Amino acid sequence: MPDFSTLMLFAAAALVLTATPGPDMLLIASRSISQGRAAGFLTYAGIALGTYCHAIAAAFGLSQLFMTVPAAYETVRWAGCCYLLYLAYKTVRSEGAAFQPASTLKRLSGRRIFFAGLATNLLNPKMALFVMALFPQFLNASAGSLTVQMLILASILNGIGLIVNGAVIFLGSTIRSRLQSASRFPKLPQYVLATVFTGLACRLALQPRS
């Protein structure tokens, strides 16, 4: 296990990174506004699990494929783009008013929201490269299993992310409550969420590998 000072240094870096607005925060915020607090936390749970998967992949050298085999990077990148566009389409086509109480969130839709968060994280090769570039700087080969150390670092990142994104979720759900009482356009949150998915797809398609 890394020493305490190393963990604190990583925690500081993780705080800066998670507090910086990015695709994950944007997705979580839009989910919270359009579907409520539960949807926001389910989305974050999926993203957090994806972070663990990337950490394990990096520990076993699988993420190195994205550096050495450009075709692997491109395959995952375009799969991610297609999936995000599919989510945008499904969001727009979904029936019913967008402003429904978070307590009516069905179990099946909850699983879908969780899976969407997980899939958007796993299908983002930039996340794999980020973990591969950042985490090894805080590893100590003489401090035990590197895989365990990677998972510890992922847990710290996810824990800090929960605090930061938890605040975003509560803010988003508050905005949702305000909109519920004065909404003249009940489908507006769905279109906002679809726009976010489309924007994330375009961002993933246009950003370079390096």
N, C-alpha and C. Protein backbone atom coordinates (compact mmCIF):
# COMPACT_ATOMS: atom_id res chain seq x y z
N MET A 1 0.85 -1.20 0.00
CA MET A 1 0.00 0.00 0.00
C MET A 1 0.88 1.25 0.00
N PRO A 2 0.57 2.27 -0.83
CA PRO A 2 1.36 3.50 -0.84
C PRO A 2 1.35 4.17 0.53
N ASP A 3 2.41 4.93 0.83
CA ASP A 3 2.46 5.59 2.13
C ASP A 3 1.45 6.74 2.19
N PHE A 4 1.24 7.24 3.40
CA PHE A 4 0.20 8.24 3.64
C PHE A 4 0.43 9.51 2.83
N SER A 5 1.68 9.98 2.77
CA SER A 5 1.96 11.22 2.05
C SER A 5 1.66 11.07 0.56
N THR A 6 1.94 9.89 0.01
CA THR A 6 1.64 9.64 -1.40
C THR A 6 0.14 9.66 -1.64
N LEU A 7 -0.61 9.04 -0.73
CA LEU A 7 -2.06 9.01 -0.86
C LEU A 7 -2.65 10.42 -0.76
N MET A 8 -2.10 11.24 0.13
CA MET A 8 -2.59 12.61 0.28
C MET A 8 -2.29 13.43 -0.97
N LEU A 9 -1.12 13.20 -1.56
CA LEU A 9 -0.77 13.91 -2.79
C LEU A 9 -1.70 13.50 -3.92
N PHE A 10 -2.00 12.21 -3.98
CA PHE A 10 -2.93 11.73 -5.01
C PHE A 10 -4.32 12.30 -4.77
N ALA A 11 -4.74 12.35 -3.51
CA ALA A 11 -6.06 12.88 -3.17
C ALA A 11 -6.18 14.35 -3.60
N ALA A 12 -5.10 15.11 -3.41
CA ALA A 12 -5.12 16.51 -3.81
C ALA A 12 -5.26 16.63 -5.33
N ALA A 13 -4.51 15.78 -6.04
CA ALA A 13 -4.61 15.79 -7.51
C ALA A 13 -6.00 15.37 -7.95
N ALA A 14 -6.56 14.36 -7.27
CA ALA A 14 -7.90 13.87 -7.62
C ALA A 14 -8.95 14.94 -7.37
N LEU A 15 -8.79 15.72 -6.31
CA LEU A 15 -9.75 16.79 -6.00
C LEU A 15 -9.76 17.83 -7.10
N VAL A 16 -8.57 18.22 -7.54
CA VAL A 16 -8.47 19.22 -8.61
C VAL A 16 -9.11 18.69 -9.89
N LEU A 17 -8.83 17.43 -10.20
CA LEU A 17 -9.34 16.84 -11.44
C LEU A 17 -10.85 16.67 -11.41
N THR A 18 -11.38 16.18 -10.29
CA THR A 18 -12.83 15.94 -10.22
C THR A 18 -13.62 17.24 -10.11
N ALA A 19 -13.01 18.27 -9.54
CA ALA A 19 -13.70 19.55 -9.41
C ALA A 19 -13.69 20.35 -10.71
N THR A 20 -12.87 19.92 -11.67
CA THR A 20 -12.82 20.58 -12.96
C THR A 20 -13.96 20.05 -13.83
N PRO A 21 -14.85 20.92 -14.30
CA PRO A 21 -15.98 20.45 -15.11
C PRO A 21 -15.51 19.67 -16.33
N GLY A 22 -16.13 18.53 -16.56
CA GLY A 22 -15.78 17.67 -17.68
C GLY A 22 -16.99 16.89 -18.14
N PRO A 23 -16.78 15.93 -19.05
CA PRO A 23 -17.91 15.15 -19.60
C PRO A 23 -18.71 14.40 -18.54
N ASP A 24 -18.02 13.80 -17.57
CA ASP A 24 -18.73 13.04 -16.53
C ASP A 24 -19.63 13.95 -15.70
N MET A 25 -19.08 15.09 -15.30
CA MET A 25 -19.87 16.03 -14.49
C MET A 25 -21.06 16.56 -15.29
N LEU A 26 -20.84 16.82 -16.57
CA LEU A 26 -21.93 17.32 -17.42
C LEU A 26 -23.04 16.28 -17.55
N LEU A 27 -22.64 15.02 -17.73
CA LEU A 27 -23.63 13.95 -17.85
C LEU A 27 -24.41 13.78 -16.54
N ILE A 28 -23.70 13.79 -15.43
CA ILE A 28 -24.35 13.64 -14.12
C ILE A 28 -25.31 14.79 -13.85
N ALA A 29 -24.88 16.01 -14.16
CA ALA A 29 -25.74 17.19 -13.94
C ALA A 29 -27.00 17.12 -14.79
N SER A 30 -26.84 16.76 -16.05
CA SER A 30 -28.00 16.71 -16.95
C SER A 30 -28.96 15.60 -16.54
N ARG A 31 -28.43 14.47 -16.09
CA ARG A 31 -29.30 13.39 -15.60
C ARG A 31 -30.08 13.85 -14.36
N SER A 32 -29.41 14.55 -13.47
CA SER A 32 -30.05 15.01 -12.23
C SER A 32 -31.17 15.99 -12.52
N ILE A 33 -30.94 16.87 -13.49
CA ILE A 33 -31.95 17.86 -13.83
C ILE A 33 -33.12 17.22 -14.56
N SER A 34 -32.82 16.29 -15.47
CA SER A 34 -33.88 15.72 -16.30
C SER A 34 -34.63 14.58 -15.62
N GLN A 35 -33.94 13.80 -14.75
CA GLN A 35 -34.58 12.62 -14.17
C GLN A 35 -34.51 12.53 -12.65
N GLY A 36 -33.84 13.46 -12.01
CA GLY A 36 -33.86 13.50 -10.56
C GLY A 36 -32.59 13.01 -9.89
N ARG A 37 -32.59 13.11 -8.57
CA ARG A 37 -31.42 12.79 -7.75
C ARG A 37 -31.00 11.33 -7.89
N ALA A 38 -31.97 10.42 -7.88
CA ALA A 38 -31.63 8.99 -7.98
C ALA A 38 -30.91 8.70 -9.28
N ALA A 39 -31.37 9.30 -10.37
CA ALA A 39 -30.73 9.10 -11.67
C ALA A 39 -29.30 9.62 -11.66
N GLY A 40 -29.08 10.75 -10.98
CA GLY A 40 -27.73 11.30 -10.89
C GLY A 40 -26.78 10.37 -10.16
N PHE A 41 -27.23 9.82 -9.03
CA PHE A 41 -26.36 8.92 -8.28
C PHE A 41 -26.16 7.59 -9.00
N LEU A 42 -27.18 7.11 -9.71
CA LEU A 42 -27.02 5.88 -10.49
C LEU A 42 -26.01 6.09 -11.61
N THR A 43 -26.06 7.25 -12.24
CA THR A 43 -25.09 7.57 -13.29
C THR A 43 -23.68 7.60 -12.72
N TYR A 44 -23.53 8.25 -11.56
CA TYR A 44 -22.19 8.30 -10.96
C TYR A 44 -21.71 6.91 -10.55
N ALA A 45 -22.61 6.07 -10.05
CA ALA A 45 -22.22 4.71 -9.67
C ALA A 45 -21.68 3.95 -10.87
N GLY A 46 -22.31 4.11 -12.03
CA GLY A 46 -21.82 3.47 -13.24
C GLY A 46 -20.46 3.99 -13.64
N ILE A 47 -20.28 5.30 -13.55
CA ILE A 47 -18.99 5.91 -13.88
C ILE A 47 -17.90 5.43 -12.93
N ALA A 48 -18.23 5.33 -11.64
CA ALA A 48 -17.26 4.88 -10.63
C ALA A 48 -16.83 3.44 -10.90
N LEU A 49 -17.79 2.57 -11.25
CA LEU A 49 -17.43 1.19 -11.58
C LEU A 49 -16.53 1.15 -12.81
N GLY A 50 -16.80 2.02 -13.77
CA GLY A 50 -15.95 2.10 -14.94
C GLY A 50 -14.52 2.49 -14.58
N THR A 51 -14.37 3.36 -13.60
CA THR A 51 -13.03 3.76 -13.14
C THR A 51 -12.28 2.57 -12.57
N TYR A 52 -12.97 1.74 -11.79
CA TYR A 52 -12.34 0.52 -11.27
C TYR A 52 -11.91 -0.40 -12.42
N CYS A 53 -12.75 -0.52 -13.42
CA CYS A 53 -12.42 -1.37 -14.57
C CYS A 53 -11.19 -0.86 -15.29
N HIS A 54 -11.10 0.46 -15.47
CA HIS A 54 -9.93 1.04 -16.12
C HIS A 54 -8.67 0.83 -15.28
N ALA A 55 -8.81 0.93 -13.96
CA ALA A 55 -7.66 0.72 -13.07
C ALA A 55 -7.15 -0.71 -13.17
N ILE A 56 -8.06 -1.68 -13.19
CA ILE A 56 -7.66 -3.09 -13.32
C ILE A 56 -7.03 -3.34 -14.68
N ALA A 57 -7.62 -2.76 -15.73
CA ALA A 57 -7.07 -2.93 -17.07
C ALA A 57 -5.67 -2.35 -17.16
N ALA A 58 -5.45 -1.19 -16.54
CA ALA A 58 -4.12 -0.58 -16.55
C ALA A 58 -3.13 -1.43 -15.76
N ALA A 59 -3.58 -2.00 -14.65
CA ALA A 59 -2.70 -2.83 -13.83
C ALA A 59 -2.21 -4.06 -14.59
N PHE A 60 -3.05 -4.60 -15.44
CA PHE A 60 -2.68 -5.79 -16.22
C PHE A 60 -2.14 -5.44 -17.60
N GLY A 61 -1.95 -4.15 -17.86
CA GLY A 61 -1.33 -3.74 -19.11
C GLY A 61 -2.27 -3.69 -20.30
N LEU A 62 -3.57 -3.89 -20.07
CA LEU A 62 -4.51 -3.91 -21.19
C LEU A 62 -4.68 -2.52 -21.81
N SER A 63 -4.61 -1.48 -20.98
CA SER A 63 -4.77 -0.12 -21.49
C SER A 63 -3.64 0.27 -22.43
N GLN A 64 -2.50 -0.42 -22.31
CA GLN A 64 -1.36 -0.14 -23.18
C GLN A 64 -1.72 -0.38 -24.64
N LEU A 65 -2.73 -1.21 -24.88
CA LEU A 65 -3.16 -1.47 -26.26
C LEU A 65 -3.55 -0.19 -26.98
N PHE A 66 -4.14 0.75 -26.25
CA PHE A 66 -4.58 1.99 -26.89
C PHE A 66 -3.39 2.83 -27.35
N MET A 67 -2.22 2.61 -26.75
CA MET A 67 -1.02 3.33 -27.16
C MET A 67 -0.31 2.61 -28.30
N THR A 68 -0.27 1.29 -28.24
CA THR A 68 0.50 0.51 -29.21
C THR A 68 -0.31 0.06 -30.42
N VAL A 69 -1.62 -0.03 -30.27
CA VAL A 69 -2.48 -0.48 -31.37
C VAL A 69 -3.54 0.59 -31.64
N PRO A 70 -3.25 1.52 -32.56
CA PRO A 70 -4.21 2.60 -32.83
C PRO A 70 -5.59 2.11 -33.22
N ALA A 71 -5.66 0.95 -33.89
CA ALA A 71 -6.96 0.42 -34.31
C ALA A 71 -7.85 0.10 -33.11
N ALA A 72 -7.24 -0.35 -32.02
CA ALA A 72 -8.00 -0.65 -30.80
C ALA A 72 -8.60 0.63 -30.23
N TYR A 73 -7.80 1.69 -30.22
CA TYR A 73 -8.28 2.98 -29.73
C TYR A 73 -9.44 3.47 -30.57
N GLU A 74 -9.27 3.42 -31.90
CA GLU A 74 -10.30 3.92 -32.80
C GLU A 74 -11.58 3.10 -32.70
N THR A 75 -11.45 1.79 -32.53
CA THR A 75 -12.64 0.94 -32.41
C THR A 75 -13.46 1.31 -31.19
N VAL A 76 -12.79 1.46 -30.05
CA VAL A 76 -13.50 1.83 -28.82
C VAL A 76 -14.06 3.24 -28.92
N ARG A 77 -13.29 4.13 -29.53
CA ARG A 77 -13.74 5.53 -29.64
C ARG A 77 -15.02 5.63 -30.47
N TRP A 78 -15.05 4.98 -31.61
CA TRP A 78 -16.23 5.08 -32.47
C TRP A 78 -17.40 4.29 -31.91
N ALA A 79 -17.10 3.22 -31.19
CA ALA A 79 -18.19 2.50 -30.50
C ALA A 79 -18.83 3.40 -29.46
N GLY A 80 -17.99 4.16 -28.75
CA GLY A 80 -18.50 5.11 -27.76
C GLY A 80 -19.34 6.20 -28.40
N CYS A 81 -18.89 6.71 -29.55
CA CYS A 81 -19.66 7.74 -30.25
C CYS A 81 -21.03 7.23 -30.66
N CYS A 82 -21.05 6.03 -31.24
CA CYS A 82 -22.32 5.44 -31.68
C CYS A 82 -23.26 5.20 -30.50
N TYR A 83 -22.70 4.75 -29.38
CA TYR A 83 -23.53 4.49 -28.21
C TYR A 83 -24.13 5.78 -27.66
N LEU A 84 -23.34 6.84 -27.62
CA LEU A 84 -23.84 8.12 -27.12
C LEU A 84 -24.94 8.67 -28.03
N LEU A 85 -24.76 8.52 -29.33
CA LEU A 85 -25.80 8.97 -30.26
C LEU A 85 -27.07 8.13 -30.11
N TYR A 86 -26.89 6.85 -29.84
CA TYR A 86 -28.04 5.98 -29.58
C TYR A 86 -28.80 6.44 -28.33
N LEU A 87 -28.05 6.78 -27.28
CA LEU A 87 -28.68 7.28 -26.06
C LEU A 87 -29.44 8.58 -26.33
N ALA A 88 -28.85 9.45 -27.15
CA ALA A 88 -29.53 10.71 -27.50
C ALA A 88 -30.85 10.42 -28.21
N TYR A 89 -30.82 9.48 -29.14
CA TYR A 89 -32.03 9.12 -29.88
C TYR A 89 -33.10 8.55 -28.95
N LYS A 90 -32.68 7.62 -28.08
CA LYS A 90 -33.64 6.99 -27.17
C LYS A 90 -34.23 8.01 -26.19
N THR A 91 -33.41 8.98 -25.78
CA THR A 91 -33.89 10.00 -24.85
C THR A 91 -34.98 10.86 -25.49
N VAL A 92 -34.75 11.27 -26.74
CA VAL A 92 -35.74 12.10 -27.43
C VAL A 92 -37.01 11.31 -27.72
N ARG A 93 -36.85 10.03 -28.03
CA ARG A 93 -38.00 9.20 -28.41
C ARG A 93 -38.78 8.66 -27.21
N SER A 94 -38.24 8.81 -26.01
CA SER A 94 -38.92 8.27 -24.84
C SER A 94 -40.27 8.95 -24.64
N GLU A 95 -41.25 8.17 -24.19
CA GLU A 95 -42.60 8.69 -24.02
C GLU A 95 -42.83 9.18 -22.60
N GLY A 96 -43.84 10.00 -22.44
CA GLY A 96 -44.20 10.49 -21.11
C GLY A 96 -43.51 11.80 -20.79
N ALA A 97 -44.03 12.48 -19.81
CA ALA A 97 -43.46 13.76 -19.39
C ALA A 97 -42.12 13.54 -18.71
N ALA A 98 -41.19 14.41 -18.99
CA ALA A 98 -39.86 14.29 -18.38
C ALA A 98 -39.91 14.60 -16.89
N PHE A 99 -40.80 15.50 -16.49
CA PHE A 99 -40.88 15.89 -15.08
C PHE A 99 -41.75 14.92 -14.30
N GLN A 100 -41.15 13.84 -13.87
CA GLN A 100 -41.81 12.88 -13.00
C GLN A 100 -41.01 12.82 -11.71
N PRO A 101 -41.64 12.62 -10.56
CA PRO A 101 -40.90 12.54 -9.30
C PRO A 101 -39.83 11.47 -9.36
N ALA A 102 -38.69 11.74 -8.76
CA ALA A 102 -37.59 10.77 -8.78
C ALA A 102 -38.00 9.45 -8.16
N SER A 103 -39.00 9.48 -7.24
CA SER A 103 -39.42 8.26 -6.57
C SER A 103 -40.12 7.29 -7.51
N THR A 104 -40.55 7.75 -8.70
CA THR A 104 -41.22 6.87 -9.65
C THR A 104 -40.24 6.17 -10.57
N LEU A 105 -38.96 6.37 -10.33
CA LEU A 105 -37.94 5.75 -11.16
C LEU A 105 -38.07 4.23 -11.09
N LYS A 106 -38.37 3.61 -12.20
CA LYS A 106 -38.58 2.17 -12.22
C LYS A 106 -37.25 1.44 -12.11
N ARG A 107 -37.33 0.23 -11.65
CA ARG A 107 -36.12 -0.56 -11.45
C ARG A 107 -35.37 -0.79 -12.76
N LEU A 108 -36.12 -1.10 -13.82
CA LEU A 108 -35.49 -1.35 -15.11
C LEU A 108 -34.81 -0.10 -15.63
N SER A 109 -35.50 1.04 -15.55
CA SER A 109 -34.90 2.28 -16.02
C SER A 109 -33.69 2.64 -15.17
N GLY A 110 -33.74 2.28 -13.88
CA GLY A 110 -32.58 2.52 -13.02
C GLY A 110 -31.37 1.74 -13.50
N ARG A 111 -31.58 0.50 -13.89
CA ARG A 111 -30.48 -0.31 -14.40
C ARG A 111 -29.94 0.27 -15.70
N ARG A 112 -30.85 0.77 -16.52
CA ARG A 112 -30.41 1.37 -17.78
C ARG A 112 -29.58 2.62 -17.54
N ILE A 113 -30.00 3.43 -16.59
CA ILE A 113 -29.24 4.64 -16.27
C ILE A 113 -27.86 4.27 -15.74
N PHE A 114 -27.79 3.28 -14.85
CA PHE A 114 -26.51 2.82 -14.32
C PHE A 114 -25.63 2.31 -15.45
N PHE A 115 -26.19 1.48 -16.32
CA PHE A 115 -25.41 0.92 -17.42
C PHE A 115 -24.93 2.00 -18.37
N ALA A 116 -25.76 3.03 -18.60
CA ALA A 116 -25.35 4.13 -19.47
C ALA A 116 -24.13 4.84 -18.91
N GLY A 117 -24.13 5.08 -17.59
CA GLY A 117 -22.96 5.69 -16.96
C GLY A 117 -21.73 4.82 -17.08
N LEU A 118 -21.90 3.52 -16.86
CA LEU A 118 -20.79 2.58 -16.98
C LEU A 118 -20.27 2.51 -18.41
N ALA A 119 -21.19 2.39 -19.37
CA ALA A 119 -20.79 2.23 -20.76
C ALA A 119 -20.11 3.47 -21.31
N THR A 120 -20.62 4.66 -20.97
CA THR A 120 -19.99 5.88 -21.47
C THR A 120 -18.58 6.03 -20.91
N ASN A 121 -18.34 5.52 -19.72
CA ASN A 121 -17.00 5.56 -19.13
C ASN A 121 -16.09 4.53 -19.80
N LEU A 122 -16.57 3.30 -19.94
CA LEU A 122 -15.75 2.24 -20.52
C LEU A 122 -15.44 2.49 -21.99
N LEU A 123 -16.38 3.11 -22.70
CA LEU A 123 -16.20 3.34 -24.13
C LEU A 123 -15.50 4.67 -24.42
N ASN A 124 -14.88 5.24 -23.40
CA ASN A 124 -14.09 6.46 -23.58
C ASN A 124 -12.61 6.09 -23.42
N PRO A 125 -11.90 5.87 -24.53
CA PRO A 125 -10.49 5.46 -24.42
C PRO A 125 -9.61 6.51 -23.75
N LYS A 126 -10.05 7.77 -23.76
CA LYS A 126 -9.29 8.82 -23.09
C LYS A 126 -9.21 8.56 -21.59
N MET A 127 -10.26 7.97 -21.03
CA MET A 127 -10.26 7.64 -19.61
C MET A 127 -9.21 6.58 -19.32
N ALA A 128 -9.10 5.61 -20.21
CA ALA A 128 -8.09 4.56 -20.04
C ALA A 128 -6.68 5.15 -20.08
N LEU A 129 -6.45 6.07 -21.01
CA LEU A 129 -5.14 6.71 -21.12
C LEU A 129 -4.86 7.60 -19.91
N PHE A 130 -5.90 8.25 -19.39
CA PHE A 130 -5.75 9.09 -18.20
C PHE A 130 -5.30 8.27 -17.00
N VAL A 131 -5.98 7.14 -16.76
CA VAL A 131 -5.62 6.27 -15.64
C VAL A 131 -4.21 5.75 -15.82
N MET A 132 -3.88 5.34 -17.04
CA MET A 132 -2.56 4.78 -17.31
C MET A 132 -1.46 5.82 -17.12
N ALA A 133 -1.76 7.09 -17.38
CA ALA A 133 -0.76 8.14 -17.26
C ALA A 133 -0.61 8.64 -15.82
N LEU A 134 -1.73 8.73 -15.08
CA LEU A 134 -1.69 9.32 -13.74
C LEU A 134 -1.35 8.33 -12.65
N PHE A 135 -2.04 7.21 -12.61
CA PHE A 135 -1.92 6.29 -11.48
C PHE A 135 -0.50 5.76 -11.24
N PRO A 136 0.24 5.34 -12.29
CA PRO A 136 1.58 4.78 -12.04
C PRO A 136 2.53 5.72 -11.31
N GLN A 137 2.28 7.03 -11.40
CA GLN A 137 3.14 7.99 -10.72
C GLN A 137 3.06 7.87 -9.20
N PHE A 138 2.01 7.22 -8.71
CA PHE A 138 1.80 7.11 -7.26
C PHE A 138 1.93 5.67 -6.77
N LEU A 139 2.47 4.80 -7.61
CA LEU A 139 2.65 3.40 -7.23
C LEU A 139 4.04 3.17 -6.65
N ASN A 140 4.14 2.20 -5.77
CA ASN A 140 5.42 1.82 -5.16
C ASN A 140 5.56 0.32 -5.30
N ALA A 141 6.50 -0.11 -6.14
CA ALA A 141 6.67 -1.54 -6.43
C ALA A 141 6.99 -2.35 -5.19
N SER A 142 7.58 -1.70 -4.18
CA SER A 142 7.97 -2.42 -2.97
C SER A 142 6.87 -2.38 -1.89
N ALA A 143 5.73 -1.79 -2.23
CA ALA A 143 4.66 -1.62 -1.23
C ALA A 143 3.52 -2.61 -1.42
N GLY A 144 3.78 -3.69 -2.14
CA GLY A 144 2.75 -4.71 -2.30
C GLY A 144 2.22 -4.78 -3.71
N SER A 145 1.12 -5.49 -3.88
CA SER A 145 0.51 -5.72 -5.19
C SER A 145 0.17 -4.41 -5.89
N LEU A 146 0.62 -4.29 -7.14
CA LEU A 146 0.33 -3.08 -7.90
C LEU A 146 -1.16 -2.99 -8.23
N THR A 147 -1.79 -4.15 -8.42
CA THR A 147 -3.22 -4.15 -8.70
C THR A 147 -4.01 -3.61 -7.51
N VAL A 148 -3.63 -4.04 -6.31
CA VAL A 148 -4.29 -3.54 -5.10
C VAL A 148 -4.06 -2.04 -4.96
N GLN A 149 -2.85 -1.59 -5.23
CA GLN A 149 -2.55 -0.16 -5.14
C GLN A 149 -3.39 0.63 -6.15
N MET A 150 -3.54 0.09 -7.36
CA MET A 150 -4.35 0.76 -8.37
C MET A 150 -5.81 0.87 -7.91
N LEU A 151 -6.31 -0.18 -7.28
CA LEU A 151 -7.69 -0.16 -6.80
C LEU A 151 -7.86 0.82 -5.63
N ILE A 152 -6.82 0.93 -4.80
CA ILE A 152 -6.87 1.91 -3.70
C ILE A 152 -6.94 3.33 -4.26
N LEU A 153 -6.11 3.60 -5.27
CA LEU A 153 -6.12 4.92 -5.90
C LEU A 153 -7.47 5.19 -6.57
N ALA A 154 -8.01 4.16 -7.22
CA ALA A 154 -9.32 4.32 -7.85
C ALA A 154 -10.40 4.61 -6.81
N SER A 155 -10.28 3.97 -5.64
CA SER A 155 -11.25 4.21 -4.56
C SER A 155 -11.17 5.64 -4.05
N ILE A 156 -9.95 6.16 -3.93
CA ILE A 156 -9.78 7.55 -3.50
C ILE A 156 -10.40 8.49 -4.53
N LEU A 157 -10.10 8.23 -5.81
CA LEU A 157 -10.65 9.06 -6.88
C LEU A 157 -12.18 9.01 -6.88
N ASN A 158 -12.73 7.82 -6.71
CA ASN A 158 -14.19 7.68 -6.68
C ASN A 158 -14.81 8.32 -5.44
N GLY A 159 -14.12 8.20 -4.30
CA GLY A 159 -14.63 8.80 -3.07
C GLY A 159 -14.70 10.31 -3.16
N ILE A 160 -13.64 10.91 -3.68
CA ILE A 160 -13.63 12.36 -3.85
C ILE A 160 -14.64 12.76 -4.92
N GLY A 161 -14.72 11.93 -5.96
CA GLY A 161 -15.70 12.20 -7.02
C GLY A 161 -17.12 12.16 -6.50
N LEU A 162 -17.38 11.27 -5.53
CA LEU A 162 -18.72 11.18 -4.95
C LEU A 162 -19.08 12.46 -4.21
N ILE A 163 -18.11 13.02 -3.50
CA ILE A 163 -18.35 14.27 -2.77
C ILE A 163 -18.62 15.42 -3.73
N VAL A 164 -17.74 15.55 -4.73
CA VAL A 164 -17.87 16.65 -5.69
C VAL A 164 -19.14 16.50 -6.53
N ASN A 165 -19.31 15.32 -7.11
CA ASN A 165 -20.47 15.12 -7.97
C ASN A 165 -21.76 15.00 -7.17
N GLY A 166 -21.64 14.60 -5.89
CA GLY A 166 -22.82 14.61 -5.03
C GLY A 166 -23.39 16.01 -4.90
N ALA A 167 -22.49 16.99 -4.77
CA ALA A 167 -22.93 18.38 -4.70
C ALA A 167 -23.60 18.80 -6.01
N VAL A 168 -23.02 18.33 -7.13
CA VAL A 168 -23.60 18.63 -8.44
C VAL A 168 -25.00 18.01 -8.56
N ILE A 169 -25.13 16.78 -8.07
CA ILE A 169 -26.42 16.08 -8.13
C ILE A 169 -27.48 16.81 -7.31
N PHE A 170 -27.13 17.23 -6.11
CA PHE A 170 -28.10 17.95 -5.27
C PHE A 170 -28.47 19.29 -5.89
N LEU A 171 -27.50 19.96 -6.50
CA LEU A 171 -27.80 21.21 -7.18
C LEU A 171 -28.72 20.96 -8.37
N GLY A 172 -28.40 19.91 -9.15
CA GLY A 172 -29.23 19.58 -10.31
C GLY A 172 -30.65 19.22 -9.92
N SER A 173 -30.80 18.45 -8.84
CA SER A 173 -32.15 18.06 -8.41
C SER A 173 -32.93 19.26 -7.86
N THR A 174 -32.20 20.23 -7.28
CA THR A 174 -32.86 21.46 -6.82
C THR A 174 -33.38 22.26 -8.01
N ILE A 175 -32.54 22.34 -9.04
CA ILE A 175 -32.97 23.03 -10.27
C ILE A 175 -34.19 22.33 -10.86
N ARG A 176 -34.16 21.01 -10.83
CA ARG A 176 -35.29 20.22 -11.33
C ARG A 176 -36.58 20.56 -10.58
N SER A 177 -36.48 20.66 -9.27
CA SER A 177 -37.66 20.98 -8.46
C SER A 177 -38.24 22.34 -8.83
N ARG A 178 -37.34 23.30 -9.07
CA ARG A 178 -37.80 24.63 -9.46
C ARG A 178 -38.49 24.58 -10.82
N LEU A 179 -37.91 23.80 -11.74
CA LEU A 179 -38.48 23.71 -13.08
C LEU A 179 -39.81 22.97 -13.07
N GLN A 180 -39.95 22.01 -12.17
CA GLN A 180 -41.19 21.24 -12.09
C GLN A 180 -42.39 22.12 -11.80
N SER A 181 -42.17 23.12 -10.95
CA SER A 181 -43.29 23.97 -10.53
C SER A 181 -43.59 25.07 -11.54
N ALA A 182 -42.69 25.26 -12.50
CA ALA A 182 -42.91 26.35 -13.45
C ALA A 182 -42.58 25.93 -14.88
N SER A 183 -42.81 24.67 -15.18
CA SER A 183 -42.43 24.17 -16.50
C SER A 183 -43.56 24.34 -17.51
N ARG A 184 -43.28 25.06 -18.58
CA ARG A 184 -44.22 25.18 -19.69
C ARG A 184 -43.82 24.23 -20.81
N PHE A 185 -42.64 23.64 -20.67
CA PHE A 185 -42.13 22.73 -21.70
C PHE A 185 -41.69 21.44 -21.03
N PRO A 186 -42.63 20.51 -20.77
CA PRO A 186 -42.32 19.31 -20.00
C PRO A 186 -41.27 18.40 -20.64
N LYS A 187 -41.06 18.53 -21.95
CA LYS A 187 -40.08 17.69 -22.63
C LYS A 187 -38.69 18.33 -22.67
N LEU A 188 -38.58 19.56 -22.19
CA LEU A 188 -37.32 20.29 -22.29
C LEU A 188 -36.14 19.54 -21.69
N PRO A 189 -36.25 18.97 -20.47
CA PRO A 189 -35.10 18.25 -19.90
C PRO A 189 -34.64 17.08 -20.77
N GLN A 190 -35.58 16.42 -21.45
CA GLN A 190 -35.20 15.31 -22.31
C GLN A 190 -34.35 15.80 -23.48
N TYR A 191 -34.74 16.95 -24.04
CA TYR A 191 -33.97 17.50 -25.15
C TYR A 191 -32.60 17.99 -24.68
N VAL A 192 -32.56 18.52 -23.47
CA VAL A 192 -31.27 18.95 -22.91
C VAL A 192 -30.35 17.75 -22.74
N LEU A 193 -30.89 16.65 -22.19
CA LEU A 193 -30.08 15.45 -21.98
C LEU A 193 -29.63 14.87 -23.32
N ALA A 194 -30.52 14.86 -24.31
CA ALA A 194 -30.15 14.36 -25.64
C ALA A 194 -29.05 15.22 -26.26
N THR A 195 -29.13 16.54 -26.03
CA THR A 195 -28.09 17.44 -26.53
C THR A 195 -26.76 17.15 -25.87
N VAL A 196 -26.78 16.85 -24.57
CA VAL A 196 -25.54 16.50 -23.86
C VAL A 196 -24.94 15.23 -24.44
N PHE A 197 -25.75 14.21 -24.66
CA PHE A 197 -25.25 12.97 -25.25
C PHE A 197 -24.64 13.22 -26.63
N THR A 198 -25.32 14.03 -27.44
CA THR A 198 -24.82 14.34 -28.78
C THR A 198 -23.51 15.12 -28.70
N GLY A 199 -23.45 16.08 -27.78
CA GLY A 199 -22.22 16.85 -27.61
C GLY A 199 -21.05 15.99 -27.17
N LEU A 200 -21.31 15.05 -26.25
CA LEU A 200 -20.25 14.14 -25.80
C LEU A 200 -19.78 13.25 -26.94
N ALA A 201 -20.72 12.82 -27.80
CA ALA A 201 -20.35 12.00 -28.95
C ALA A 201 -19.46 12.78 -29.91
N CYS A 202 -19.82 14.03 -30.17
CA CYS A 202 -19.00 14.88 -31.05
C CYS A 202 -17.63 15.14 -30.45
N ARG A 203 -17.60 15.37 -29.15
CA ARG A 203 -16.32 15.61 -28.47
C ARG A 203 -15.42 14.40 -28.59
N LEU A 204 -15.98 13.21 -28.37
CA LEU A 204 -15.19 11.99 -28.46
C LEU A 204 -14.72 11.74 -29.88
N ALA A 205 -15.56 12.08 -30.87
CA ALA A 205 -15.19 11.85 -32.26
C ALA A 205 -14.09 12.79 -32.73
N LEU A 206 -14.07 14.01 -32.20
CA LEU A 206 -13.15 15.03 -32.70
C LEU A 206 -11.83 15.10 -31.95
N GLN A 207 -11.79 14.62 -30.70
CA GLN A 207 -10.56 14.78 -29.94
C GLN A 207 -9.49 13.80 -30.41
N PRO A 208 -8.24 14.27 -30.54
CA PRO A 208 -7.16 13.40 -31.03
C PRO A 208 -6.75 12.37 -29.99
N ARG A 209 -6.05 11.34 -30.45
CA ARG A 209 -5.62 10.27 -29.55
C ARG A 209 -4.56 10.75 -28.58
N SER A 210 -3.64 11.57 -29.04
CA SER A 210 -2.53 12.03 -28.19
C SER A 210 -2.94 13.21 -27.33
